[in-house]
């Protein structure tokens, strides 16, 4: 039950439910974590030994770890920033960030250029999901949502990672898809420091 929404979205997006991108922890400079507590889960889908040291190394080398979670988890304690979110609203936050990428022309497909389909449909689907439209629902101020989207897009080596908190909710499949969508649209999929 815990990861089935992720497997469904990965299957629809990448052709196989077990093709789940994982963050390149050793080379990332900006890690956006939603609904995950890798310090308690020993990395879970990050599939990296000694995840605690690897996460701390991101900060030591000048990078940022942003944890989006309704509670102050062990991972949030060591993060650069902890953003509180209302439970079950991750899809709204992520799609508002996608809205910002489109609206501010921050979209860079990178290695996915020529491989994606449906960009016009995604843009239209996110058109009304502005940061201002979702801020109250998520409990995150619109300027914070915009800043997160801009920082993520601007970072040369960034990865967005979502786990159990993004899957075990009403919109778990949508949130799982939106995690990978953000990585794709910002050019962070299958690149050094991104989601591999």
N, C-alpha and C. Protein backbone atom coordinates (compact mmCIF):
# COMPACT_ATOMS: atom_id res chain seq x y z
N UNK A 1 0.82 -1.20 0.00
CA UNK A 1 0.00 0.00 0.00
C UNK A 1 0.86 1.25 0.00
N UNK A 2 1.95 1.26 0.74
CA UNK A 2 2.67 2.52 0.94
C UNK A 2 3.27 3.12 -0.32
N UNK A 3 3.70 2.30 -1.26
CA UNK A 3 4.36 2.88 -2.44
C UNK A 3 3.60 2.66 -3.74
N UNK A 4 2.43 2.06 -3.68
CA UNK A 4 1.71 1.76 -4.92
C UNK A 4 1.41 3.01 -5.75
N UNK A 5 1.00 4.14 -5.15
CA UNK A 5 0.80 5.34 -5.98
C UNK A 5 2.07 5.76 -6.75
N UNK A 6 3.23 5.59 -6.12
CA UNK A 6 4.48 5.92 -6.80
C UNK A 6 4.74 4.96 -7.95
N UNK A 7 4.44 3.69 -7.74
CA UNK A 7 4.64 2.71 -8.80
C UNK A 7 3.69 2.95 -9.97
N UNK A 8 2.46 3.34 -9.67
CA UNK A 8 1.50 3.66 -10.73
C UNK A 8 1.98 4.85 -11.54
N UNK A 9 2.37 5.92 -10.87
CA UNK A 9 2.81 7.12 -11.60
C UNK A 9 4.09 6.85 -12.37
N UNK A 10 5.03 6.10 -11.78
CA UNK A 10 6.28 5.77 -12.50
C UNK A 10 5.99 4.90 -13.70
N UNK A 11 5.07 3.95 -13.56
CA UNK A 11 4.70 3.10 -14.70
C UNK A 11 4.10 3.90 -15.83
N UNK A 12 3.22 4.83 -15.50
CA UNK A 12 2.58 5.65 -16.53
C UNK A 12 3.57 6.66 -17.14
N UNK A 13 4.49 7.13 -16.33
CA UNK A 13 5.42 8.17 -16.80
C UNK A 13 6.65 7.59 -17.50
N UNK A 14 7.18 6.49 -16.96
CA UNK A 14 8.45 5.95 -17.47
C UNK A 14 8.33 4.56 -18.09
N UNK A 15 7.13 3.97 -18.03
CA UNK A 15 6.91 2.68 -18.67
C UNK A 15 7.07 1.47 -17.78
N UNK A 16 7.51 1.65 -16.53
CA UNK A 16 7.68 0.53 -15.61
C UNK A 16 7.52 1.05 -14.19
N UNK A 17 6.69 0.40 -13.42
CA UNK A 17 6.43 0.83 -12.05
C UNK A 17 7.62 0.77 -11.12
N UNK A 18 8.67 0.08 -11.52
CA UNK A 18 9.88 0.00 -10.70
C UNK A 18 10.96 0.97 -11.18
N UNK A 19 10.65 1.76 -12.18
CA UNK A 19 11.58 2.77 -12.66
C UNK A 19 11.32 4.07 -11.89
N UNK A 20 11.84 4.13 -10.68
CA UNK A 20 11.61 5.26 -9.79
C UNK A 20 12.92 6.05 -9.67
N UNK A 21 12.93 7.29 -10.13
CA UNK A 21 14.15 8.09 -9.99
C UNK A 21 14.51 8.33 -8.53
N UNK A 22 15.79 8.28 -8.23
CA UNK A 22 16.28 8.53 -6.88
C UNK A 22 17.26 9.70 -6.92
N UNK A 23 17.32 10.47 -5.84
CA UNK A 23 18.21 11.63 -5.83
C UNK A 23 19.68 11.23 -5.78
N UNK A 24 20.48 11.95 -6.52
CA UNK A 24 21.93 11.76 -6.54
C UNK A 24 22.50 12.53 -5.34
N UNK A 25 22.44 11.91 -4.18
CA UNK A 25 22.79 12.58 -2.93
C UNK A 25 24.23 13.08 -2.88
N UNK A 26 25.12 12.37 -3.51
CA UNK A 26 26.54 12.74 -3.42
C UNK A 26 26.91 13.95 -4.27
N UNK A 27 26.05 14.33 -5.19
CA UNK A 27 26.39 15.46 -6.06
C UNK A 27 25.33 16.57 -6.09
N UNK A 28 24.23 16.39 -5.38
CA UNK A 28 23.21 17.43 -5.40
C UNK A 28 23.61 18.62 -4.54
N UNK A 29 23.08 19.77 -4.89
CA UNK A 29 23.32 20.97 -4.09
C UNK A 29 22.00 21.53 -3.55
N UNK A 30 20.88 20.94 -3.99
CA UNK A 30 19.57 21.40 -3.53
C UNK A 30 18.64 20.19 -3.53
N UNK A 31 18.28 19.74 -2.34
CA UNK A 31 17.43 18.57 -2.20
C UNK A 31 16.10 18.98 -1.58
N UNK A 32 15.04 18.81 -2.32
CA UNK A 32 13.69 19.12 -1.86
C UNK A 32 13.03 17.79 -1.48
N UNK A 33 12.73 17.62 -0.20
CA UNK A 33 12.18 16.37 0.32
C UNK A 33 10.76 16.62 0.79
N UNK A 34 9.82 15.82 0.28
CA UNK A 34 8.42 15.92 0.70
C UNK A 34 7.96 14.59 1.27
N UNK A 35 7.34 14.64 2.44
CA UNK A 35 6.72 13.44 3.01
C UNK A 35 7.68 12.30 3.25
N UNK A 36 8.92 12.60 3.50
CA UNK A 36 9.92 11.56 3.73
C UNK A 36 10.75 11.92 4.96
N UNK A 37 11.19 10.89 5.64
CA UNK A 37 12.05 11.07 6.79
C UNK A 37 13.19 10.06 6.68
N UNK A 38 14.12 10.31 5.75
CA UNK A 38 15.18 9.32 5.49
C UNK A 38 16.05 9.00 6.70
N UNK A 39 16.14 9.90 7.67
CA UNK A 39 16.94 9.56 8.85
C UNK A 39 16.26 8.47 9.68
N UNK A 40 14.93 8.40 9.63
CA UNK A 40 14.21 7.35 10.35
C UNK A 40 14.05 6.09 9.49
N UNK A 41 13.97 6.26 8.18
CA UNK A 41 13.73 5.11 7.29
C UNK A 41 15.01 4.55 6.68
N UNK A 42 16.14 5.07 7.11
CA UNK A 42 17.44 4.66 6.57
C UNK A 42 17.52 4.87 5.06
N UNK A 43 16.90 5.94 4.61
CA UNK A 43 16.98 6.30 3.20
C UNK A 43 15.84 5.82 2.35
N UNK A 44 15.22 4.71 2.73
CA UNK A 44 14.09 4.16 1.98
C UNK A 44 14.43 4.10 0.49
N UNK A 45 13.64 4.73 -0.36
CA UNK A 45 13.88 4.66 -1.81
C UNK A 45 15.10 5.43 -2.28
N UNK A 46 15.75 6.16 -1.39
CA UNK A 46 16.98 6.84 -1.79
C UNK A 46 18.07 5.82 -2.10
N UNK A 47 17.92 4.64 -1.57
CA UNK A 47 18.82 3.51 -1.80
C UNK A 47 20.30 3.88 -1.68
N UNK A 48 20.63 4.58 -0.60
CA UNK A 48 22.02 4.98 -0.38
C UNK A 48 22.43 4.60 1.04
N UNK A 49 23.53 3.89 1.20
CA UNK A 49 23.98 3.57 2.56
C UNK A 49 24.43 4.83 3.30
N UNK A 50 24.32 4.78 4.62
CA UNK A 50 24.73 5.88 5.49
C UNK A 50 24.11 7.20 5.03
N UNK A 51 22.80 7.20 4.90
CA UNK A 51 22.09 8.36 4.39
C UNK A 51 22.27 9.59 5.29
N UNK A 52 22.42 9.38 6.58
CA UNK A 52 22.60 10.50 7.50
C UNK A 52 23.85 11.31 7.14
N UNK A 53 24.95 10.61 6.92
CA UNK A 53 26.19 11.29 6.54
C UNK A 53 26.04 11.96 5.18
N UNK A 54 25.41 11.27 4.24
CA UNK A 54 25.24 11.83 2.90
C UNK A 54 24.40 13.11 2.92
N UNK A 55 23.34 13.12 3.73
CA UNK A 55 22.51 14.33 3.84
C UNK A 55 23.29 15.46 4.50
N UNK A 56 23.98 15.15 5.56
CA UNK A 56 24.78 16.19 6.23
C UNK A 56 25.88 16.73 5.32
N UNK A 57 26.41 15.87 4.46
CA UNK A 57 27.44 16.31 3.52
C UNK A 57 26.90 17.33 2.52
N UNK A 58 25.63 17.24 2.17
CA UNK A 58 25.03 18.23 1.27
C UNK A 58 25.15 19.62 1.88
N UNK A 59 24.81 19.72 3.14
CA UNK A 59 24.88 21.01 3.84
C UNK A 59 26.33 21.43 4.04
N UNK A 60 27.21 20.47 4.38
CA UNK A 60 28.63 20.79 4.60
C UNK A 60 29.28 21.38 3.35
N UNK A 61 28.86 20.91 2.19
CA UNK A 61 29.48 21.44 0.96
C UNK A 61 28.74 22.67 0.44
N UNK A 62 27.88 23.25 1.26
CA UNK A 62 27.22 24.50 0.90
C UNK A 62 25.87 24.35 0.25
N UNK A 63 25.35 23.13 0.19
CA UNK A 63 24.05 22.90 -0.42
C UNK A 63 22.91 23.12 0.55
N UNK A 64 21.70 22.92 0.04
CA UNK A 64 20.49 23.11 0.84
C UNK A 64 19.66 21.84 0.84
N UNK A 65 19.06 21.56 1.98
CA UNK A 65 18.05 20.52 2.10
C UNK A 65 16.79 21.20 2.61
N UNK A 66 15.74 21.14 1.82
CA UNK A 66 14.45 21.71 2.19
C UNK A 66 13.51 20.54 2.47
N UNK A 67 13.01 20.45 3.68
CA UNK A 67 12.06 19.40 4.06
C UNK A 67 10.67 20.02 4.15
N UNK A 68 9.75 19.46 3.37
CA UNK A 68 8.35 19.88 3.40
C UNK A 68 7.59 18.76 4.10
N UNK A 69 7.09 19.05 5.29
CA UNK A 69 6.46 18.01 6.10
C UNK A 69 5.57 18.67 7.14
N UNK A 70 4.44 18.04 7.47
CA UNK A 70 3.58 18.61 8.49
C UNK A 70 4.14 18.51 9.91
N UNK A 71 5.16 17.69 10.09
CA UNK A 71 5.76 17.58 11.43
C UNK A 71 7.27 17.79 11.35
N UNK A 72 7.83 18.16 12.47
CA UNK A 72 9.27 18.39 12.56
C UNK A 72 9.95 17.04 12.76
N UNK A 73 10.29 16.40 11.67
CA UNK A 73 10.89 15.07 11.70
C UNK A 73 12.38 15.14 12.02
N UNK A 74 12.99 13.98 12.18
CA UNK A 74 14.43 13.91 12.40
C UNK A 74 15.19 14.53 11.23
N UNK A 75 14.69 14.29 10.02
CA UNK A 75 15.34 14.87 8.84
C UNK A 75 15.16 16.38 8.80
N UNK A 76 14.00 16.85 9.20
CA UNK A 76 13.76 18.31 9.25
C UNK A 76 14.72 18.98 10.23
N UNK A 77 15.08 18.26 11.30
CA UNK A 77 16.00 18.81 12.30
C UNK A 77 17.37 19.14 11.71
N UNK A 78 17.83 18.35 10.73
CA UNK A 78 19.17 18.60 10.16
C UNK A 78 19.10 19.38 8.85
N UNK A 79 17.89 19.66 8.39
CA UNK A 79 17.71 20.36 7.11
C UNK A 79 18.08 21.83 7.22
N UNK A 80 18.33 22.43 6.08
CA UNK A 80 18.58 23.86 5.99
C UNK A 80 17.30 24.62 6.31
N UNK A 81 16.17 24.06 5.85
CA UNK A 81 14.88 24.72 6.05
C UNK A 81 13.79 23.65 6.17
N UNK A 82 12.86 23.91 7.08
CA UNK A 82 11.69 23.06 7.23
C UNK A 82 10.46 23.89 6.91
N UNK A 83 9.69 23.44 5.92
CA UNK A 83 8.46 24.11 5.52
C UNK A 83 7.29 23.25 5.95
N UNK A 84 6.48 23.78 6.86
CA UNK A 84 5.29 23.05 7.31
C UNK A 84 4.24 23.09 6.21
N UNK A 85 3.53 21.96 6.01
CA UNK A 85 2.48 21.87 5.01
C UNK A 85 1.28 21.16 5.64
N UNK A 86 0.09 21.51 5.21
CA UNK A 86 -1.09 20.78 5.68
C UNK A 86 -1.05 19.37 5.11
N UNK A 87 -1.33 18.36 5.92
CA UNK A 87 -1.31 16.98 5.43
C UNK A 87 -2.21 16.80 4.21
N UNK A 88 -1.71 16.05 3.23
CA UNK A 88 -2.50 15.71 2.05
C UNK A 88 -2.56 16.78 0.97
N UNK A 89 -1.74 17.82 1.08
CA UNK A 89 -1.80 18.90 0.09
C UNK A 89 -0.54 19.01 -0.77
N UNK A 90 0.29 17.98 -0.73
CA UNK A 90 1.55 18.00 -1.48
C UNK A 90 1.34 18.23 -2.98
N UNK A 91 0.31 17.62 -3.56
CA UNK A 91 0.05 17.77 -4.99
C UNK A 91 -0.22 19.24 -5.33
N UNK A 92 -0.96 19.92 -4.48
CA UNK A 92 -1.24 21.34 -4.72
C UNK A 92 0.06 22.15 -4.72
N UNK A 93 0.89 21.92 -3.72
CA UNK A 93 2.17 22.64 -3.65
C UNK A 93 3.00 22.37 -4.89
N UNK A 94 3.19 21.12 -5.24
CA UNK A 94 4.04 20.76 -6.37
C UNK A 94 3.51 21.31 -7.69
N UNK A 95 2.20 21.23 -7.89
CA UNK A 95 1.63 21.74 -9.14
C UNK A 95 1.66 23.27 -9.19
N UNK A 96 1.60 23.92 -8.03
CA UNK A 96 1.79 25.37 -8.00
C UNK A 96 3.23 25.72 -8.37
N UNK A 97 4.17 24.90 -7.94
CA UNK A 97 5.57 25.11 -8.33
C UNK A 97 5.74 24.91 -9.83
N UNK A 98 5.05 23.91 -10.39
CA UNK A 98 5.07 23.69 -11.84
C UNK A 98 4.46 24.91 -12.54
N UNK A 99 3.40 25.44 -11.99
CA UNK A 99 2.77 26.65 -12.54
C UNK A 99 3.80 27.78 -12.65
N UNK A 100 4.60 27.95 -11.60
CA UNK A 100 5.63 28.99 -11.59
C UNK A 100 6.66 28.73 -12.69
N UNK A 101 7.06 27.49 -12.88
CA UNK A 101 8.03 27.16 -13.94
C UNK A 101 7.50 27.60 -15.30
N UNK A 102 6.24 27.30 -15.57
CA UNK A 102 5.64 27.71 -16.84
C UNK A 102 5.48 29.23 -16.91
N UNK A 103 4.89 29.83 -15.88
CA UNK A 103 4.57 31.26 -15.89
C UNK A 103 5.80 32.14 -15.99
N UNK A 104 6.91 31.71 -15.39
CA UNK A 104 8.12 32.53 -15.36
C UNK A 104 9.17 32.03 -16.35
N UNK A 105 8.76 31.15 -17.24
CA UNK A 105 9.66 30.62 -18.27
C UNK A 105 10.93 30.03 -17.67
N UNK A 106 10.76 29.25 -16.62
CA UNK A 106 11.88 28.61 -15.94
C UNK A 106 12.03 27.14 -16.33
N UNK A 107 11.17 26.68 -17.23
CA UNK A 107 11.19 25.29 -17.64
C UNK A 107 12.40 25.00 -18.54
N UNK A 108 13.15 23.97 -18.18
CA UNK A 108 14.30 23.50 -18.95
C UNK A 108 14.26 21.98 -18.95
N UNK A 109 13.97 21.38 -20.06
CA UNK A 109 13.79 19.92 -20.08
C UNK A 109 15.09 19.15 -19.99
N UNK A 110 16.19 19.74 -20.39
CA UNK A 110 17.46 19.03 -20.31
C UNK A 110 17.43 17.74 -21.10
N UNK A 111 17.84 16.65 -20.47
CA UNK A 111 17.91 15.36 -21.16
C UNK A 111 16.55 14.82 -21.58
N UNK A 112 15.49 15.34 -21.01
CA UNK A 112 14.15 14.88 -21.37
C UNK A 112 13.62 15.59 -22.62
N UNK A 113 14.35 16.57 -23.13
CA UNK A 113 13.91 17.30 -24.32
C UNK A 113 13.72 16.32 -25.48
N UNK A 114 12.56 16.39 -26.10
CA UNK A 114 12.23 15.50 -27.20
C UNK A 114 11.62 14.18 -26.76
N UNK A 115 11.58 13.94 -25.46
CA UNK A 115 11.04 12.68 -24.95
C UNK A 115 9.70 12.85 -24.25
N UNK A 116 9.33 14.08 -23.95
CA UNK A 116 8.09 14.31 -23.21
C UNK A 116 6.93 14.59 -24.16
N UNK A 117 5.76 14.27 -23.67
CA UNK A 117 4.53 14.52 -24.41
C UNK A 117 3.55 15.21 -23.48
N UNK A 118 2.68 16.02 -24.05
CA UNK A 118 1.59 16.61 -23.27
C UNK A 118 1.92 17.86 -22.50
N UNK A 119 2.98 18.58 -22.88
CA UNK A 119 3.33 19.79 -22.14
C UNK A 119 2.21 20.83 -22.15
N UNK A 120 1.55 20.99 -23.28
CA UNK A 120 0.46 21.97 -23.36
C UNK A 120 -0.67 21.58 -22.41
N UNK A 121 -0.96 20.29 -22.31
CA UNK A 121 -2.01 19.83 -21.40
C UNK A 121 -1.62 20.04 -19.94
N UNK A 122 -0.36 19.80 -19.62
CA UNK A 122 0.11 20.01 -18.25
C UNK A 122 0.03 21.49 -17.90
N UNK A 123 0.48 22.32 -18.81
CA UNK A 123 0.43 23.77 -18.57
C UNK A 123 -1.01 24.21 -18.33
N UNK A 124 -1.93 23.74 -19.15
CA UNK A 124 -3.34 24.12 -19.01
C UNK A 124 -3.90 23.60 -17.69
N UNK A 125 -3.54 22.39 -17.31
CA UNK A 125 -4.04 21.80 -16.07
C UNK A 125 -3.55 22.55 -14.84
N UNK A 126 -2.37 23.15 -14.93
CA UNK A 126 -1.79 23.89 -13.80
C UNK A 126 -2.06 25.39 -13.84
N UNK A 127 -2.72 25.85 -14.88
CA UNK A 127 -2.89 27.29 -15.09
C UNK A 127 -3.56 28.00 -13.91
N UNK A 128 -4.53 27.36 -13.30
CA UNK A 128 -5.23 28.00 -12.19
C UNK A 128 -4.62 27.67 -10.83
N UNK A 129 -3.63 26.79 -10.81
CA UNK A 129 -2.99 26.40 -9.56
C UNK A 129 -1.79 27.30 -9.25
N UNK A 130 -2.07 28.57 -9.17
CA UNK A 130 -1.02 29.54 -8.84
C UNK A 130 -0.67 29.41 -7.36
N UNK A 131 0.49 29.89 -6.96
CA UNK A 131 0.81 29.88 -5.54
C UNK A 131 -0.26 30.58 -4.69
N UNK A 132 -0.82 31.66 -5.20
CA UNK A 132 -1.86 32.37 -4.46
C UNK A 132 -3.12 31.52 -4.31
N UNK A 133 -3.42 30.72 -5.32
CA UNK A 133 -4.63 29.89 -5.29
C UNK A 133 -4.51 28.71 -4.32
N UNK A 134 -3.30 28.23 -4.09
CA UNK A 134 -3.13 27.04 -3.23
C UNK A 134 -2.58 27.37 -1.85
N UNK A 135 -2.14 28.59 -1.62
CA UNK A 135 -1.46 28.96 -0.37
C UNK A 135 -2.27 28.61 0.87
N UNK A 136 -3.52 29.01 0.91
CA UNK A 136 -4.33 28.75 2.09
C UNK A 136 -4.57 27.25 2.28
N UNK A 137 -4.83 26.56 1.20
CA UNK A 137 -5.07 25.11 1.27
C UNK A 137 -3.84 24.38 1.81
N UNK A 138 -2.64 24.77 1.35
CA UNK A 138 -1.40 24.11 1.77
C UNK A 138 -0.88 24.61 3.12
N UNK A 139 -1.27 25.82 3.47
CA UNK A 139 -0.71 26.43 4.67
C UNK A 139 0.69 26.96 4.43
N UNK A 140 1.02 27.21 3.17
CA UNK A 140 2.33 27.76 2.80
C UNK A 140 2.09 29.05 2.03
N UNK A 141 2.71 30.12 2.44
CA UNK A 141 2.51 31.42 1.80
C UNK A 141 2.96 31.40 0.34
N UNK A 142 2.23 32.12 -0.50
CA UNK A 142 2.54 32.17 -1.93
C UNK A 142 3.99 32.58 -2.21
N UNK A 143 4.53 33.60 -1.52
CA UNK A 143 5.94 33.94 -1.79
C UNK A 143 6.91 32.80 -1.49
N UNK A 144 6.61 31.98 -0.50
CA UNK A 144 7.47 30.82 -0.18
C UNK A 144 7.39 29.80 -1.31
N UNK A 145 6.18 29.55 -1.81
CA UNK A 145 6.03 28.60 -2.92
C UNK A 145 6.80 29.08 -4.14
N UNK A 146 6.67 30.37 -4.46
CA UNK A 146 7.41 30.94 -5.60
C UNK A 146 8.92 30.81 -5.40
N UNK A 147 9.37 31.13 -4.19
CA UNK A 147 10.81 31.04 -3.90
C UNK A 147 11.32 29.61 -4.07
N UNK A 148 10.57 28.64 -3.55
CA UNK A 148 10.99 27.25 -3.69
C UNK A 148 11.09 26.84 -5.15
N UNK A 149 10.11 27.24 -5.95
CA UNK A 149 10.14 26.91 -7.38
C UNK A 149 11.32 27.57 -8.07
N UNK A 150 11.57 28.82 -7.76
CA UNK A 150 12.68 29.54 -8.39
C UNK A 150 14.03 28.96 -7.97
N UNK A 151 14.18 28.68 -6.67
CA UNK A 151 15.44 28.10 -6.19
C UNK A 151 15.69 26.74 -6.83
N UNK A 152 14.64 25.93 -6.90
CA UNK A 152 14.78 24.61 -7.48
C UNK A 152 15.20 24.71 -8.95
N UNK A 153 14.53 25.57 -9.69
CA UNK A 153 14.85 25.73 -11.11
C UNK A 153 16.26 26.30 -11.31
N UNK A 154 16.66 27.22 -10.45
CA UNK A 154 17.95 27.90 -10.62
C UNK A 154 19.13 27.04 -10.20
N UNK A 155 18.91 26.08 -9.33
CA UNK A 155 20.01 25.25 -8.85
C UNK A 155 20.49 24.33 -9.97
N UNK A 156 21.78 24.36 -10.18
CA UNK A 156 22.37 23.54 -11.24
C UNK A 156 22.18 22.05 -10.97
N UNK A 157 22.27 21.68 -9.70
CA UNK A 157 22.16 20.27 -9.31
C UNK A 157 21.12 20.15 -8.21
N UNK A 158 19.89 19.84 -8.61
CA UNK A 158 18.79 19.75 -7.65
C UNK A 158 17.98 18.49 -7.91
N UNK A 159 17.34 18.01 -6.84
CA UNK A 159 16.46 16.85 -6.96
C UNK A 159 15.27 17.02 -6.02
N UNK A 160 14.12 16.63 -6.49
CA UNK A 160 12.91 16.58 -5.67
C UNK A 160 12.64 15.12 -5.36
N UNK A 161 12.37 14.83 -4.10
CA UNK A 161 12.15 13.46 -3.64
C UNK A 161 10.92 13.42 -2.75
N UNK A 162 10.00 12.53 -3.07
CA UNK A 162 8.81 12.34 -2.25
C UNK A 162 8.69 10.89 -1.83
N UNK A 163 8.13 10.68 -0.66
CA UNK A 163 8.02 9.30 -0.17
C UNK A 163 6.66 9.07 0.46
N UNK A 164 6.61 8.31 1.50
CA UNK A 164 5.37 7.77 2.07
C UNK A 164 4.32 8.84 2.36
N UNK A 165 4.75 10.00 2.82
CA UNK A 165 3.80 11.08 3.10
C UNK A 165 3.13 11.62 1.84
N UNK A 166 3.78 11.45 0.71
CA UNK A 166 3.18 11.90 -0.55
C UNK A 166 2.34 10.81 -1.21
N UNK A 167 2.54 9.55 -0.81
CA UNK A 167 1.81 8.47 -1.45
C UNK A 167 0.57 8.04 -0.67
N UNK A 168 0.65 8.04 0.64
CA UNK A 168 -0.47 7.57 1.47
C UNK A 168 -1.41 8.72 1.81
N UNK A 169 -2.08 9.21 0.80
CA UNK A 169 -3.02 10.30 0.96
C UNK A 169 -4.00 10.27 -0.20
N UNK A 170 -5.02 11.09 -0.13
CA UNK A 170 -6.07 11.09 -1.14
C UNK A 170 -5.53 11.29 -2.55
N UNK A 171 -4.56 12.17 -2.71
CA UNK A 171 -3.99 12.46 -4.03
C UNK A 171 -2.58 11.91 -4.17
N UNK A 172 -2.35 10.70 -3.66
CA UNK A 172 -1.02 10.10 -3.64
C UNK A 172 -0.41 9.87 -5.01
N UNK A 173 -1.21 9.41 -5.96
CA UNK A 173 -0.67 9.17 -7.31
C UNK A 173 -0.36 10.49 -7.99
N UNK A 174 -1.22 11.47 -7.82
CA UNK A 174 -0.99 12.80 -8.40
C UNK A 174 0.25 13.45 -7.79
N UNK A 175 0.40 13.36 -6.48
CA UNK A 175 1.58 13.93 -5.82
C UNK A 175 2.85 13.22 -6.29
N UNK A 176 2.78 11.89 -6.43
CA UNK A 176 3.94 11.13 -6.90
C UNK A 176 4.34 11.55 -8.30
N UNK A 177 3.34 11.71 -9.17
CA UNK A 177 3.59 12.17 -10.53
C UNK A 177 4.19 13.57 -10.53
N UNK A 178 3.65 14.44 -9.65
CA UNK A 178 4.10 15.83 -9.61
C UNK A 178 5.55 15.95 -9.15
N UNK A 179 6.00 15.05 -8.27
CA UNK A 179 7.42 15.03 -7.87
C UNK A 179 8.29 14.84 -9.11
N UNK A 180 7.97 13.81 -9.90
CA UNK A 180 8.77 13.54 -11.10
C UNK A 180 8.56 14.61 -12.17
N UNK A 181 7.36 15.14 -12.25
CA UNK A 181 7.08 16.21 -13.21
C UNK A 181 7.96 17.42 -12.92
N UNK A 182 8.07 17.80 -11.66
CA UNK A 182 8.93 18.93 -11.30
C UNK A 182 10.38 18.65 -11.70
N UNK A 183 10.86 17.44 -11.44
CA UNK A 183 12.23 17.08 -11.84
C UNK A 183 12.41 17.16 -13.35
N UNK A 184 11.42 16.68 -14.10
CA UNK A 184 11.51 16.70 -15.57
C UNK A 184 11.49 18.12 -16.10
N UNK A 185 10.51 18.91 -15.67
CA UNK A 185 10.33 20.25 -16.23
C UNK A 185 11.47 21.21 -15.88
N UNK A 186 12.12 20.97 -14.75
CA UNK A 186 13.24 21.82 -14.36
C UNK A 186 14.57 21.29 -14.88
N UNK A 187 14.52 20.20 -15.65
CA UNK A 187 15.75 19.66 -16.23
C UNK A 187 16.62 18.91 -15.23
N UNK A 188 16.01 18.38 -14.19
CA UNK A 188 16.78 17.70 -13.14
C UNK A 188 16.73 16.18 -13.24
N UNK A 189 16.00 15.66 -14.22
CA UNK A 189 15.90 14.22 -14.35
C UNK A 189 17.11 13.65 -15.09
N UNK A 190 17.66 12.59 -14.53
CA UNK A 190 18.77 11.86 -15.14
C UNK A 190 19.96 12.75 -15.45
N UNK A 191 20.27 13.59 -14.47
CA UNK A 191 21.48 14.40 -14.61
C UNK A 191 22.22 14.41 -13.29
N UNK A 192 23.50 14.65 -13.36
CA UNK A 192 24.36 14.67 -12.20
C UNK A 192 23.78 15.62 -11.14
N UNK A 193 23.63 15.12 -9.93
CA UNK A 193 23.10 15.93 -8.85
C UNK A 193 21.59 16.02 -8.83
N UNK A 194 20.93 15.42 -9.80
CA UNK A 194 19.48 15.47 -9.89
C UNK A 194 18.84 14.17 -9.47
N UNK A 195 17.75 13.83 -10.12
CA UNK A 195 17.04 12.57 -9.86
C UNK A 195 17.47 11.59 -10.95
N UNK A 196 18.14 10.54 -10.55
CA UNK A 196 18.70 9.59 -11.51
C UNK A 196 17.78 8.39 -11.68
